[in-house]
Structures are given as structure tokens and as C-alpha cells.
Amino acid sequence: MKMSRFRDTGVTFYEDDRGGGPFKIRIGGTSEFVSNVDPNWERAWPPGKVDVVIGWENPLALTYETMDSAIKAAVQVWDIEGFHTSIESSVCITGHPNKAAAVDIKHSS
């Protein structure tokens, strides 16, 4: 499986995951997941705010039903904060390293 990058951003994903949602947005190699994206938050300049939570199973972590909606949100994260992100599917497919890691996190609590 080949990892893809969305245009000229820090958003990465596996094209083979498309259709395997729901999806979450992981902040670049950490255990932090996006919990809020507000592109219009005016207390920053330029406007925008991103909140994160720790842990795959955190109920505050946002989930996206489609890969396209997750990519759109991750691009907003890139535009607002410049964070590198990866789109991860919550469906486990044997042999997929990204999904195996997500399952390990999910069952480690």
C-alpha cells in the first residue's frame, strides 16, 4: 500500500482506505487526534483554531464518515496550524500497518 499526500499539504492517507471509514485525523505521529476545527475563530490572526485530544478512543475526537470530508478537515488543520496529519480509518484490515497501530491503541486501555 502506498501512502498518498493531498496536493501540496502535510495531509497523508492511504488511498486504499477510501470507503473504510469512519476516519479520524491524527496529528503527525503522536497520540493526539483532532477534536475541533474552527476556521473562523477570530482570536487568532490569521483566524482559526484547532483543538486536539489524546487517545484513539477519546469520545471527543472527531470522526468523519468519508475520506473526502476527513481530508477537507485535515487541510483546514494544515492551513490553520501547519500540523502534519494522517487520516486513519477505524476499520482494521489485516496487514495494513496504519490500521494495526490504530487497533493496538484502541485495545491498550
N, C-alpha and C. Protein backbone atom coordinates (compact mmCIF):
# COMPACT_ATOMS: atom_id res chain seq x y z
N MET A 1 0.84 -1.18 0.00
CA MET A 1 0.00 0.00 0.00
C MET A 1 0.88 1.24 0.00
N LYS A 2 0.47 2.17 -0.78
CA LYS A 2 1.24 3.39 -0.91
C LYS A 2 0.53 4.54 -0.21
N MET A 3 1.29 5.28 0.58
CA MET A 3 0.74 6.45 1.26
C MET A 3 0.65 7.58 0.24
N SER A 4 -0.44 8.33 0.33
CA SER A 4 -0.66 9.47 -0.56
C SER A 4 -0.59 10.77 0.24
N ARG A 5 -0.30 11.85 -0.47
CA ARG A 5 -0.29 13.18 0.13
C ARG A 5 -1.29 14.03 -0.65
N PHE A 6 -2.12 14.78 0.08
CA PHE A 6 -3.11 15.63 -0.58
C PHE A 6 -2.44 16.90 -1.07
N ARG A 7 -2.39 17.03 -2.37
CA ARG A 7 -1.79 18.18 -3.05
C ARG A 7 -0.48 18.59 -2.38
N ASP A 8 -0.32 19.86 -2.08
CA ASP A 8 0.94 20.34 -1.51
C ASP A 8 0.73 20.68 -0.03
N THR A 9 0.21 19.71 0.74
CA THR A 9 -0.07 19.92 2.15
C THR A 9 0.63 18.85 2.98
N GLY A 10 0.47 18.93 4.28
CA GLY A 10 1.01 17.93 5.19
C GLY A 10 -0.01 16.87 5.54
N VAL A 11 -0.99 16.64 4.67
CA VAL A 11 -2.05 15.67 4.91
C VAL A 11 -1.72 14.38 4.17
N THR A 12 -1.57 13.28 4.93
CA THR A 12 -1.28 11.99 4.31
C THR A 12 -2.39 10.99 4.62
N PHE A 13 -2.53 10.01 3.75
CA PHE A 13 -3.56 8.99 3.89
C PHE A 13 -3.24 7.84 2.95
N TYR A 14 -3.90 6.71 3.15
CA TYR A 14 -3.81 5.58 2.24
C TYR A 14 -5.05 5.58 1.36
N GLU A 15 -4.84 5.69 0.06
CA GLU A 15 -5.97 5.71 -0.88
C GLU A 15 -6.80 4.44 -0.74
N ASP A 16 -6.17 3.33 -0.41
CA ASP A 16 -6.88 2.06 -0.24
C ASP A 16 -7.87 2.10 0.93
N ASP A 17 -7.72 3.06 1.84
CA ASP A 17 -8.64 3.18 2.97
C ASP A 17 -9.98 3.79 2.58
N ARG A 18 -10.05 4.42 1.40
CA ARG A 18 -11.28 5.08 0.96
C ARG A 18 -12.41 4.06 1.00
N GLY A 19 -13.51 4.43 1.62
CA GLY A 19 -14.63 3.51 1.76
C GLY A 19 -14.57 2.68 3.03
N GLY A 20 -13.52 2.85 3.82
CA GLY A 20 -13.35 2.05 5.03
C GLY A 20 -13.55 2.82 6.31
N GLY A 21 -14.28 3.92 6.26
CA GLY A 21 -14.45 4.79 7.43
C GLY A 21 -15.26 4.16 8.53
N PRO A 22 -15.51 4.86 9.58
CA PRO A 22 -15.23 6.29 9.74
C PRO A 22 -13.73 6.56 9.92
N PHE A 23 -13.36 7.82 9.79
CA PHE A 23 -11.97 8.24 9.81
C PHE A 23 -11.71 9.22 10.95
N LYS A 24 -10.47 9.22 11.43
CA LYS A 24 -10.02 10.21 12.41
C LYS A 24 -8.76 10.87 11.87
N ILE A 25 -8.46 12.06 12.40
CA ILE A 25 -7.27 12.79 11.98
C ILE A 25 -6.26 12.78 13.11
N ARG A 26 -5.12 12.12 12.86
CA ARG A 26 -4.03 12.04 13.85
C ARG A 26 -3.03 13.16 13.57
N ILE A 27 -2.59 13.81 14.61
CA ILE A 27 -1.55 14.84 14.48
C ILE A 27 -0.20 14.13 14.36
N GLY A 28 0.50 14.40 13.28
CA GLY A 28 1.81 13.89 12.93
C GLY A 28 2.54 12.95 13.87
N GLY A 29 2.21 11.68 13.88
CA GLY A 29 2.95 10.67 14.61
C GLY A 29 2.77 10.70 16.12
N THR A 30 1.77 11.39 16.60
CA THR A 30 1.52 11.47 18.03
C THR A 30 0.29 10.63 18.39
N SER A 31 -0.11 10.67 19.63
CA SER A 31 -1.36 10.03 20.03
C SER A 31 -2.46 11.07 20.17
N GLU A 32 -2.30 12.21 19.49
CA GLU A 32 -3.28 13.29 19.54
C GLU A 32 -4.15 13.26 18.30
N PHE A 33 -5.45 13.47 18.53
CA PHE A 33 -6.42 13.46 17.45
C PHE A 33 -7.22 14.75 17.48
N VAL A 34 -7.63 15.22 16.31
CA VAL A 34 -8.37 16.47 16.19
C VAL A 34 -9.74 16.32 16.85
N SER A 35 -10.06 17.31 17.70
CA SER A 35 -11.36 17.31 18.37
C SER A 35 -12.22 18.52 17.98
N ASN A 36 -11.60 19.52 17.36
CA ASN A 36 -12.35 20.70 16.93
C ASN A 36 -11.53 21.46 15.90
N VAL A 37 -12.22 21.90 14.85
CA VAL A 37 -11.60 22.77 13.84
C VAL A 37 -12.53 23.94 13.65
N ASP A 38 -12.04 25.13 13.97
CA ASP A 38 -12.84 26.34 13.79
C ASP A 38 -12.05 27.30 12.90
N PRO A 39 -12.32 27.26 11.59
CA PRO A 39 -11.55 28.12 10.67
C PRO A 39 -11.88 29.60 10.81
N ASN A 40 -12.93 29.93 11.55
CA ASN A 40 -13.36 31.33 11.69
C ASN A 40 -13.07 31.93 13.06
N TRP A 41 -12.37 31.21 13.92
CA TRP A 41 -12.07 31.70 15.26
C TRP A 41 -11.24 32.98 15.13
N GLU A 42 -11.78 34.08 15.60
CA GLU A 42 -11.18 35.39 15.34
C GLU A 42 -10.17 35.85 16.37
N ARG A 43 -9.93 35.05 17.42
CA ARG A 43 -8.97 35.48 18.43
C ARG A 43 -7.53 35.21 18.01
N ALA A 44 -7.35 34.68 16.83
CA ALA A 44 -6.01 34.45 16.28
C ALA A 44 -5.92 35.17 14.94
N TRP A 45 -4.70 35.51 14.55
CA TRP A 45 -4.53 36.07 13.22
C TRP A 45 -3.44 35.35 12.50
N PRO A 46 -3.67 34.78 11.33
CA PRO A 46 -4.97 34.73 10.68
C PRO A 46 -5.95 33.89 11.50
N PRO A 47 -7.26 34.09 11.27
CA PRO A 47 -8.26 33.39 12.08
C PRO A 47 -8.15 31.87 11.97
N GLY A 48 -8.55 31.19 13.02
CA GLY A 48 -8.61 29.74 13.02
C GLY A 48 -8.08 29.14 14.31
N LYS A 49 -8.64 27.98 14.66
CA LYS A 49 -8.24 27.31 15.89
C LYS A 49 -8.45 25.80 15.70
N VAL A 50 -7.49 25.02 16.20
CA VAL A 50 -7.59 23.57 16.18
C VAL A 50 -7.38 23.06 17.60
N ASP A 51 -8.29 22.20 18.07
CA ASP A 51 -8.13 21.55 19.38
C ASP A 51 -7.86 20.08 19.16
N VAL A 52 -7.08 19.49 20.06
CA VAL A 52 -6.78 18.06 19.98
C VAL A 52 -7.03 17.40 21.32
N VAL A 53 -7.23 16.09 21.28
CA VAL A 53 -7.36 15.27 22.47
C VAL A 53 -6.39 14.10 22.34
N ILE A 54 -6.08 13.49 23.45
CA ILE A 54 -5.17 12.35 23.46
C ILE A 54 -5.96 11.06 23.44
N GLY A 55 -5.55 10.17 22.55
CA GLY A 55 -6.10 8.82 22.54
C GLY A 55 -7.11 8.53 21.45
N TRP A 56 -6.91 7.38 20.82
CA TRP A 56 -7.79 6.92 19.74
C TRP A 56 -9.23 6.78 20.21
N GLU A 57 -9.43 6.28 21.41
CA GLU A 57 -10.78 6.03 21.91
C GLU A 57 -11.42 7.25 22.57
N ASN A 58 -10.75 8.37 22.62
CA ASN A 58 -11.31 9.56 23.25
C ASN A 58 -12.60 9.95 22.53
N PRO A 59 -13.73 10.01 23.25
CA PRO A 59 -15.00 10.31 22.60
C PRO A 59 -15.07 11.72 22.02
N LEU A 60 -14.15 12.60 22.39
CA LEU A 60 -14.15 13.96 21.85
C LEU A 60 -13.43 14.06 20.50
N ALA A 61 -12.69 13.01 20.14
CA ALA A 61 -12.01 13.02 18.84
C ALA A 61 -13.05 12.98 17.74
N LEU A 62 -12.92 13.88 16.79
CA LEU A 62 -13.88 13.94 15.69
C LEU A 62 -13.73 12.73 14.78
N THR A 63 -14.86 12.24 14.27
CA THR A 63 -14.85 11.19 13.26
C THR A 63 -15.54 11.72 12.02
N TYR A 64 -15.09 11.23 10.88
CA TYR A 64 -15.61 11.65 9.58
C TYR A 64 -16.07 10.42 8.84
N GLU A 65 -17.25 10.47 8.26
CA GLU A 65 -17.83 9.31 7.58
C GLU A 65 -17.13 8.99 6.26
N THR A 66 -16.58 10.02 5.60
CA THR A 66 -15.93 9.78 4.31
C THR A 66 -14.49 10.27 4.33
N MET A 67 -13.69 9.67 3.47
CA MET A 67 -12.30 10.11 3.32
C MET A 67 -12.25 11.56 2.86
N ASP A 68 -13.13 11.94 1.94
CA ASP A 68 -13.13 13.31 1.43
C ASP A 68 -13.40 14.34 2.52
N SER A 69 -14.35 14.04 3.41
CA SER A 69 -14.63 15.00 4.49
C SER A 69 -13.48 15.07 5.49
N ALA A 70 -12.81 13.94 5.72
CA ALA A 70 -11.64 13.94 6.60
C ALA A 70 -10.48 14.72 5.98
N ILE A 71 -10.27 14.55 4.69
CA ILE A 71 -9.21 15.30 4.00
C ILE A 71 -9.50 16.80 4.06
N LYS A 72 -10.74 17.18 3.81
CA LYS A 72 -11.11 18.60 3.85
C LYS A 72 -10.81 19.20 5.23
N ALA A 73 -11.16 18.48 6.30
CA ALA A 73 -10.88 18.97 7.66
C ALA A 73 -9.38 18.99 7.93
N ALA A 74 -8.66 17.98 7.47
CA ALA A 74 -7.21 17.93 7.70
C ALA A 74 -6.50 19.06 6.95
N VAL A 75 -6.99 19.43 5.79
CA VAL A 75 -6.43 20.58 5.06
C VAL A 75 -6.66 21.86 5.85
N GLN A 76 -7.81 21.97 6.50
CA GLN A 76 -8.05 23.14 7.36
C GLN A 76 -7.05 23.14 8.52
N VAL A 77 -6.78 21.98 9.11
CA VAL A 77 -5.79 21.88 10.18
C VAL A 77 -4.44 22.36 9.67
N TRP A 78 -4.06 21.92 8.47
CA TRP A 78 -2.79 22.33 7.84
C TRP A 78 -2.77 23.84 7.63
N ASP A 79 -3.86 24.39 7.10
CA ASP A 79 -3.92 25.84 6.83
C ASP A 79 -3.87 26.67 8.11
N ILE A 80 -4.51 26.18 9.17
CA ILE A 80 -4.58 26.95 10.42
C ILE A 80 -3.30 26.82 11.23
N GLU A 81 -2.86 25.58 11.46
CA GLU A 81 -1.74 25.34 12.39
C GLU A 81 -0.45 24.88 11.73
N GLY A 82 -0.55 24.38 10.50
CA GLY A 82 0.64 23.83 9.85
C GLY A 82 1.02 22.45 10.36
N PHE A 83 0.08 21.78 11.05
CA PHE A 83 0.34 20.44 11.58
C PHE A 83 0.30 19.41 10.46
N HIS A 84 1.30 18.54 10.43
CA HIS A 84 1.24 17.37 9.56
C HIS A 84 0.24 16.40 10.18
N THR A 85 -0.61 15.82 9.36
CA THR A 85 -1.64 14.92 9.86
C THR A 85 -1.71 13.67 9.01
N SER A 86 -2.31 12.62 9.59
CA SER A 86 -2.62 11.43 8.81
C SER A 86 -4.08 11.08 9.04
N ILE A 87 -4.74 10.70 7.96
CA ILE A 87 -6.13 10.27 8.02
C ILE A 87 -6.10 8.77 8.30
N GLU A 88 -6.78 8.34 9.35
CA GLU A 88 -6.75 6.93 9.72
C GLU A 88 -8.16 6.37 9.78
N SER A 89 -8.30 5.20 9.21
CA SER A 89 -9.58 4.50 9.23
C SER A 89 -9.71 3.71 10.51
N SER A 90 -10.91 3.62 11.03
CA SER A 90 -11.13 2.85 12.25
C SER A 90 -11.43 1.39 11.95
N VAL A 91 -11.46 1.04 10.67
CA VAL A 91 -11.69 -0.35 10.27
C VAL A 91 -10.35 -1.04 10.14
N CYS A 92 -10.21 -2.18 10.79
CA CYS A 92 -8.94 -2.91 10.75
C CYS A 92 -8.91 -3.87 9.56
N ILE A 93 -7.87 -3.73 8.74
CA ILE A 93 -7.62 -4.67 7.65
C ILE A 93 -6.27 -5.31 7.92
N THR A 94 -6.23 -6.62 8.01
CA THR A 94 -5.01 -7.35 8.32
C THR A 94 -3.89 -6.96 7.37
N GLY A 95 -2.72 -6.74 7.93
CA GLY A 95 -1.55 -6.43 7.14
C GLY A 95 -1.34 -4.97 6.85
N HIS A 96 -2.25 -4.11 7.23
CA HIS A 96 -2.12 -2.67 7.00
C HIS A 96 -1.50 -2.06 8.25
N PRO A 97 -0.24 -1.56 8.18
CA PRO A 97 0.44 -1.09 9.38
C PRO A 97 -0.27 0.05 10.10
N ASN A 98 -0.87 0.97 9.36
CA ASN A 98 -1.56 2.08 10.00
C ASN A 98 -2.74 1.59 10.81
N LYS A 99 -3.50 0.68 10.24
CA LYS A 99 -4.69 0.17 10.93
C LYS A 99 -4.31 -0.74 12.08
N ALA A 100 -3.24 -1.49 11.94
CA ALA A 100 -2.80 -2.34 13.05
C ALA A 100 -2.43 -1.46 14.24
N ALA A 101 -1.76 -0.33 13.98
CA ALA A 101 -1.39 0.58 15.07
C ALA A 101 -2.63 1.15 15.73
N ALA A 102 -3.63 1.48 14.91
CA ALA A 102 -4.87 2.04 15.47
C ALA A 102 -5.56 1.01 16.35
N VAL A 103 -5.55 -0.24 15.95
CA VAL A 103 -6.18 -1.28 16.74
C VAL A 103 -5.41 -1.48 18.04
N ASP A 104 -4.07 -1.44 17.97
CA ASP A 104 -3.27 -1.58 19.20
C ASP A 104 -3.63 -0.48 20.20
N ILE A 105 -3.76 0.74 19.73
CA ILE A 105 -4.11 1.85 20.60
C ILE A 105 -5.50 1.62 21.16
N LYS A 106 -6.41 1.18 20.32
CA LYS A 106 -7.79 1.00 20.73
C LYS A 106 -7.92 -0.04 21.83
N HIS A 107 -7.12 -1.11 21.76
CA HIS A 107 -7.25 -2.19 22.72
C HIS A 107 -6.27 -2.08 23.89
N SER A 108 -5.50 -1.02 23.96
CA SER A 108 -4.50 -0.92 25.02
C SER A 108 -5.05 -0.38 26.34
N SER A 109 -6.29 0.13 26.35
CA SER A 109 -6.84 0.70 27.57
C SER A 109 -7.38 -0.37 28.50
